[in-house]
């Protein structure tokens, strides 16, 4: 039997690392890609994991990774996109370059990787998994607009891609995690603090969110939960189109309210 193979972006992060390790333990050949060379060191010497330095904003590096993977396997059974960043700030104060970088990594990076590696996925009738977020299902929250709009865009992109590739019998699945332990989540309070210092109009409101974001981090879950869902997505005969994974209860409840009431609650919190 041909060994299963998977290419994973964002492999040094909490969810990516947990998934890479789990799939390797299950006997898969894992190509663990990330732009953090130091973090990739942890994969060296682990059986069935091949670390790759890949910056998904650089098409040349993606092409190089594709050629190297193509030399080792005939195709891919899975392509899992975890790579992503967050940028905190007001939508009228956020630096244009910061917004561009969020879109370039979260949306365009996923697009580039999927487009480039598609021939290997098609060869084995593999599956593509895009990581959106619970944020992609919710209305935009203050000072998280850049991340929210990137995840909403990724939701739309994934739906379109799924409805195209179903004609080729290639499943495209989106996972929508809530808060999980990762470098991304642990950096959020500091990003709010930096944004508060830099803001002309919203320094007090941004400062008020720091403690809220810290509590959310404390409630974040073990990324192995996400890894197990990814394994299910890759192995069940008929995967679902989308897998919400442990969304934050407070956010979910808030979204059930009328917009006017949501705005009132947010205003009270931000102006307390």
Protein backbone atom coordinates (compact mmCIF):
# COMPACT_ATOMS: atom_id res chain seq x y z
CA UNK A 1 0.00 0.00 0.00
CA UNK A 2 1.28 3.49 -0.91
CA UNK A 3 2.09 5.57 2.15
CA UNK A 4 -0.30 8.48 2.68
CA UNK A 5 1.28 11.90 2.22
CA UNK A 6 0.21 15.35 3.38
CA UNK A 7 1.58 18.87 3.02
CA UNK A 8 0.85 21.20 5.97
CA UNK A 9 1.48 24.95 6.11
CA UNK A 10 1.87 26.75 9.41
CA UNK A 11 3.36 23.59 10.87
CA UNK A 12 5.27 25.27 13.68
CA UNK A 13 2.11 26.71 15.26
CA UNK A 14 -0.01 25.00 17.88
CA UNK A 15 -2.58 23.45 15.56
CA UNK A 16 -0.13 22.77 12.74
CA UNK A 17 2.43 21.12 15.01
CA UNK A 18 -0.19 18.95 16.73
CA UNK A 19 -1.57 17.86 13.36
CA UNK A 20 1.82 17.10 11.85
CA UNK A 21 2.80 14.99 14.85
CA UNK A 22 -0.52 13.11 14.96
CA UNK A 23 -0.49 12.28 11.25
CA UNK A 24 3.11 11.11 11.43
CA UNK A 25 2.18 8.86 14.36
CA UNK A 26 -0.64 7.48 12.19
CA UNK A 27 1.89 6.50 9.53
CA UNK A 28 1.52 9.44 7.15
CA UNK A 29 4.48 11.08 5.44
CA UNK A 30 4.15 14.69 6.60
CA UNK A 31 5.73 17.60 4.76
CA UNK A 32 5.76 20.22 7.53
CA UNK A 33 6.07 23.70 6.03
CA UNK A 34 6.64 26.97 7.84
CA UNK A 35 8.60 30.22 7.54
CA UNK A 36 10.01 29.93 11.09
CA UNK A 37 13.25 28.03 10.60
CA UNK A 38 14.01 27.83 14.32
CA UNK A 39 10.59 26.33 15.08
CA UNK A 40 11.01 23.77 12.30
CA UNK A 41 14.05 22.39 14.12
CA UNK A 42 11.74 20.46 16.46
CA UNK A 43 10.71 18.21 13.56
CA UNK A 44 14.23 17.15 12.63
CA UNK A 45 14.81 13.49 13.34
CA UNK A 46 11.12 12.68 13.86
CA UNK A 47 10.16 9.69 11.71
CA UNK A 48 7.93 10.46 8.72
CA UNK A 49 8.15 14.27 9.11
CA UNK A 50 10.05 16.27 6.51
CA UNK A 51 10.36 19.95 7.51
CA UNK A 52 10.28 22.59 4.78
CA UNK A 53 11.07 26.29 4.94
CA UNK A 54 8.31 27.96 2.93
CA UNK A 55 7.17 31.58 2.97
CA UNK A 56 3.70 31.43 1.42
CA UNK A 57 3.93 35.07 0.32
CA UNK A 58 6.79 34.08 -2.02
CA UNK A 59 5.69 32.12 -5.10
CA UNK A 60 9.28 31.15 -5.92
CA UNK A 61 9.67 29.43 -2.55
CA UNK A 62 6.32 27.66 -2.97
CA UNK A 63 7.41 26.44 -6.40
CA UNK A 64 10.70 25.21 -4.94
CA UNK A 65 8.85 23.28 -2.23
CA UNK A 66 6.52 21.77 -4.83
CA UNK A 67 9.44 20.46 -6.88
CA UNK A 68 11.10 18.96 -3.81
CA UNK A 69 7.89 17.26 -2.67
CA UNK A 70 7.27 16.00 -6.21
CA UNK A 71 10.66 14.28 -6.13
CA UNK A 72 9.69 12.35 -2.99
CA UNK A 73 6.05 11.35 -3.59
CA UNK A 74 3.85 10.75 -6.59
CA UNK A 75 0.98 12.71 -5.13
CA UNK A 76 -0.64 14.12 -2.00
CA UNK A 77 -3.56 12.64 -0.08
CA UNK A 78 -3.98 15.85 1.86
CA UNK A 79 -3.13 19.55 1.69
CA UNK A 80 -3.78 21.35 4.98
CA UNK A 81 -3.54 25.14 5.25
CA UNK A 82 -2.93 26.43 8.79
CA UNK A 83 -0.63 29.37 8.05
CA UNK A 84 -2.10 32.67 9.19
CA UNK A 85 -1.50 35.85 11.17
CA UNK A 86 -3.57 38.41 13.07
CA UNK A 87 -3.25 42.20 13.19
CA UNK A 88 -4.99 44.29 15.83
CA UNK A 89 -6.05 47.88 15.18
CA UNK A 90 -8.80 50.22 14.13
CA UNK A 91 -9.88 50.00 10.53
CA UNK A 92 -9.32 53.75 10.14
CA UNK A 93 -5.91 53.72 11.80
CA UNK A 94 -4.43 50.40 10.74
CA UNK A 95 -1.36 50.75 8.56
CA UNK A 96 -2.09 49.77 4.96
CA UNK A 97 0.90 47.46 4.88
CA UNK A 98 -0.37 45.62 7.98
CA UNK A 99 -3.75 45.02 6.32
CA UNK A 100 -2.07 43.93 3.11
CA UNK A 101 0.12 41.43 4.98
CA UNK A 102 -2.88 39.81 6.70
CA UNK A 103 -4.63 39.36 3.37
CA UNK A 104 -1.43 38.26 1.64
CA UNK A 105 -0.83 35.47 4.14
CA UNK A 106 -4.31 34.40 5.24
CA UNK A 107 -6.02 34.57 1.86
CA UNK A 108 -3.51 34.85 -0.96
CA UNK A 109 -1.06 32.47 0.71
CA UNK A 110 -3.70 29.77 0.92
CA UNK A 111 -4.67 30.48 -2.70
CA UNK A 112 -1.04 30.20 -3.85
CA UNK A 113 -0.36 26.93 -2.05
CA UNK A 114 -3.57 25.28 -3.24
CA UNK A 115 -3.04 26.37 -6.84
CA UNK A 116 0.60 25.25 -6.90
CA UNK A 117 0.18 21.88 -5.19
CA UNK A 118 -3.10 20.99 -6.90
CA UNK A 119 -1.54 18.63 -9.48
CA UNK A 120 -0.17 16.46 -6.65
CA UNK A 121 -3.55 16.47 -4.89
CA UNK A 122 -5.37 15.64 -8.12
CA UNK A 123 -3.01 12.73 -8.85
CA UNK A 124 -4.17 10.89 -5.71
CA UNK A 125 -7.69 12.34 -5.51
CA UNK A 126 -6.61 13.89 -2.23
CA UNK A 127 -8.35 16.44 -0.05
CA UNK A 128 -7.78 20.13 0.61
CA UNK A 129 -8.41 21.57 4.08
CA UNK A 130 -8.53 25.33 4.65
CA UNK A 131 -8.50 26.75 8.16
CA UNK A 132 -10.90 29.65 8.49
CA UNK A 133 -12.09 30.45 12.03
CA UNK A 134 -15.17 30.93 14.11
CA UNK A 135 -14.52 34.60 13.23
CA UNK A 136 -15.35 33.76 9.61
CA UNK A 137 -18.91 32.92 10.68
CA UNK A 138 -19.44 36.00 12.83
CA UNK A 139 -19.96 39.70 12.28
CA UNK A 140 -16.80 41.77 12.50
CA UNK A 141 -15.69 42.76 16.00
CA UNK A 142 -13.99 46.07 16.78
CA UNK A 143 -10.23 46.25 16.24
CA UNK A 144 -10.17 42.76 14.75
CA UNK A 145 -11.39 43.82 11.33
CA UNK A 146 -8.30 42.85 9.35
CA UNK A 147 -8.35 39.28 10.62
CA UNK A 148 -12.14 39.05 10.30
CA UNK A 149 -12.25 40.22 6.70
CA UNK A 150 -9.46 37.78 5.78
CA UNK A 151 -11.36 34.87 7.31
CA UNK A 152 -14.64 35.93 5.69
CA UNK A 153 -12.80 36.03 2.36
CA UNK A 154 -11.31 32.60 3.04
CA UNK A 155 -14.81 31.24 3.75
CA UNK A 156 -16.03 32.49 0.36
CA UNK A 157 -12.91 31.26 -1.43
CA UNK A 158 -13.24 27.79 0.11
CA UNK A 159 -16.92 27.51 -0.83
CA UNK A 160 -16.16 28.43 -4.44
CA UNK A 161 -13.20 26.06 -4.58
CA UNK A 162 -15.27 23.21 -3.12
CA UNK A 163 -18.00 23.67 -5.71
CA UNK A 164 -15.44 23.68 -8.50
CA UNK A 165 -13.35 20.73 -7.37
CA UNK A 166 -16.39 18.58 -6.60
CA UNK A 167 -16.59 18.24 -10.39
CA UNK A 168 -13.21 16.48 -10.17
CA UNK A 169 -14.22 14.42 -7.11
CA UNK A 170 -11.74 16.24 -4.87
CA UNK A 171 -13.19 17.25 -1.48
CA UNK A 172 -12.45 20.73 -0.13
CA UNK A 173 -13.15 21.14 3.57
CA UNK A 174 -13.02 24.09 5.90
CA UNK A 175 -12.32 23.82 9.61
CA UNK A 176 -13.50 26.69 11.81
CA UNK A 177 -11.65 26.59 15.14
CA UNK A 178 -12.49 28.64 18.19
CA UNK A 179 -9.70 29.65 20.60
CA UNK A 180 -6.87 27.12 20.76
CA UNK A 181 -3.42 27.39 22.30
CA UNK A 182 -0.92 28.74 19.78
CA UNK A 183 1.65 31.47 19.29
CA UNK A 184 -1.03 33.42 17.45
CA UNK A 185 -3.37 33.58 20.45
CA UNK A 186 -0.68 34.24 23.07
CA UNK A 187 0.47 37.33 21.16
CA UNK A 188 -2.99 38.95 21.07
CA UNK A 189 -2.88 40.85 24.43
CA UNK A 190 0.47 42.39 23.49
CA UNK A 191 -0.93 43.39 20.10
CA UNK A 192 -3.85 45.12 21.81
CA UNK A 193 -1.42 46.91 24.14
CA UNK A 194 0.69 48.11 21.21
CA UNK A 195 -2.39 49.23 19.29
CA UNK A 196 -3.63 51.15 22.36
CA UNK A 197 -0.34 53.07 22.57
CA UNK A 198 -0.40 53.91 18.88
CA UNK A 199 -4.09 54.87 18.60
CA UNK A 200 -5.23 58.48 18.39
CA UNK A 201 -8.93 57.80 18.85
CA UNK A 202 -9.35 54.44 20.59
CA UNK A 203 -6.57 53.98 23.15
CA UNK A 204 -8.97 53.56 26.09
CA UNK A 205 -11.23 51.12 24.23
CA UNK A 206 -8.27 49.04 23.10
CA UNK A 207 -6.89 48.96 26.64
CA UNK A 208 -10.24 47.71 27.90
CA UNK A 209 -10.00 44.64 25.66
CA UNK A 210 -6.59 43.49 26.92
CA UNK A 211 -8.00 41.73 29.99
CA UNK A 212 -10.80 40.19 27.90
CA UNK A 213 -8.31 38.78 25.39
CA UNK A 214 -6.18 37.43 28.23
CA UNK A 215 -9.15 35.55 29.69
CA UNK A 216 -9.92 34.09 26.28
CA UNK A 217 -6.36 32.79 26.04
CA UNK A 218 -6.70 31.18 29.44
CA UNK A 219 -9.79 29.35 28.19
CA UNK A 220 -8.15 28.25 24.94
CA UNK A 221 -8.13 24.53 24.27
CA UNK A 222 -5.56 21.88 23.45
CA UNK A 223 -4.73 21.92 19.70
CA UNK A 224 -4.77 18.11 19.63
CA UNK A 225 -8.56 18.51 19.33
CA UNK A 226 -8.06 20.24 15.99
CA UNK A 227 -5.52 17.63 14.92
CA UNK A 228 -8.04 14.85 15.50
CA UNK A 229 -10.64 16.71 13.44
CA UNK A 230 -8.17 17.12 10.59
CA UNK A 231 -7.43 13.40 10.71
CA UNK A 232 -11.16 12.73 10.45
CA UNK A 233 -11.44 15.13 7.50
CA UNK A 234 -8.67 13.27 5.70
CA UNK A 235 -9.88 9.74 6.36
CA UNK A 236 -13.68 9.49 6.60
CA UNK A 237 -15.36 8.30 3.38
CA UNK A 238 -17.58 11.39 3.09
CA UNK A 239 -16.24 14.41 5.00
CA UNK A 240 -18.51 17.29 5.89
CA UNK A 241 -18.15 20.58 4.06
CA UNK A 242 -17.30 22.42 7.28
CA UNK A 243 -16.23 21.53 10.81
CA UNK A 244 -16.80 24.16 13.53
CA UNK A 245 -14.41 23.23 16.36
CA UNK A 246 -15.15 24.37 19.92
CA UNK A 247 -16.25 27.96 19.20
CA UNK A 248 -16.15 30.37 22.15
CA UNK A 249 -19.59 30.16 23.82
CA UNK A 250 -19.77 33.90 24.54
CA UNK A 251 -19.11 34.82 20.92
CA UNK A 252 -21.64 32.28 19.67
CA UNK A 253 -24.34 33.56 22.01
CA UNK A 254 -23.60 37.16 21.09
CA UNK A 255 -24.10 36.42 17.42
CA UNK A 256 -27.63 35.17 18.11
CA UNK A 257 -28.72 38.65 19.21
CA UNK A 258 -30.02 41.47 16.98
CA UNK A 259 -27.24 43.69 15.59
CA UNK A 260 -28.49 46.72 17.49
CA UNK A 261 -28.21 44.83 20.78
CA UNK A 262 -24.76 43.47 19.87
CA UNK A 263 -23.59 47.01 19.17
CA UNK A 264 -25.02 48.23 22.50
CA UNK A 265 -23.24 45.49 24.46
CA UNK A 266 -19.94 46.13 22.69
CA UNK A 267 -20.21 49.83 23.31
CA UNK A 268 -20.77 49.28 27.02
CA UNK A 269 -17.76 47.00 27.23
CA UNK A 270 -15.47 49.30 25.26
CA UNK A 271 -16.47 52.47 27.12
CA UNK A 272 -16.57 51.07 30.65
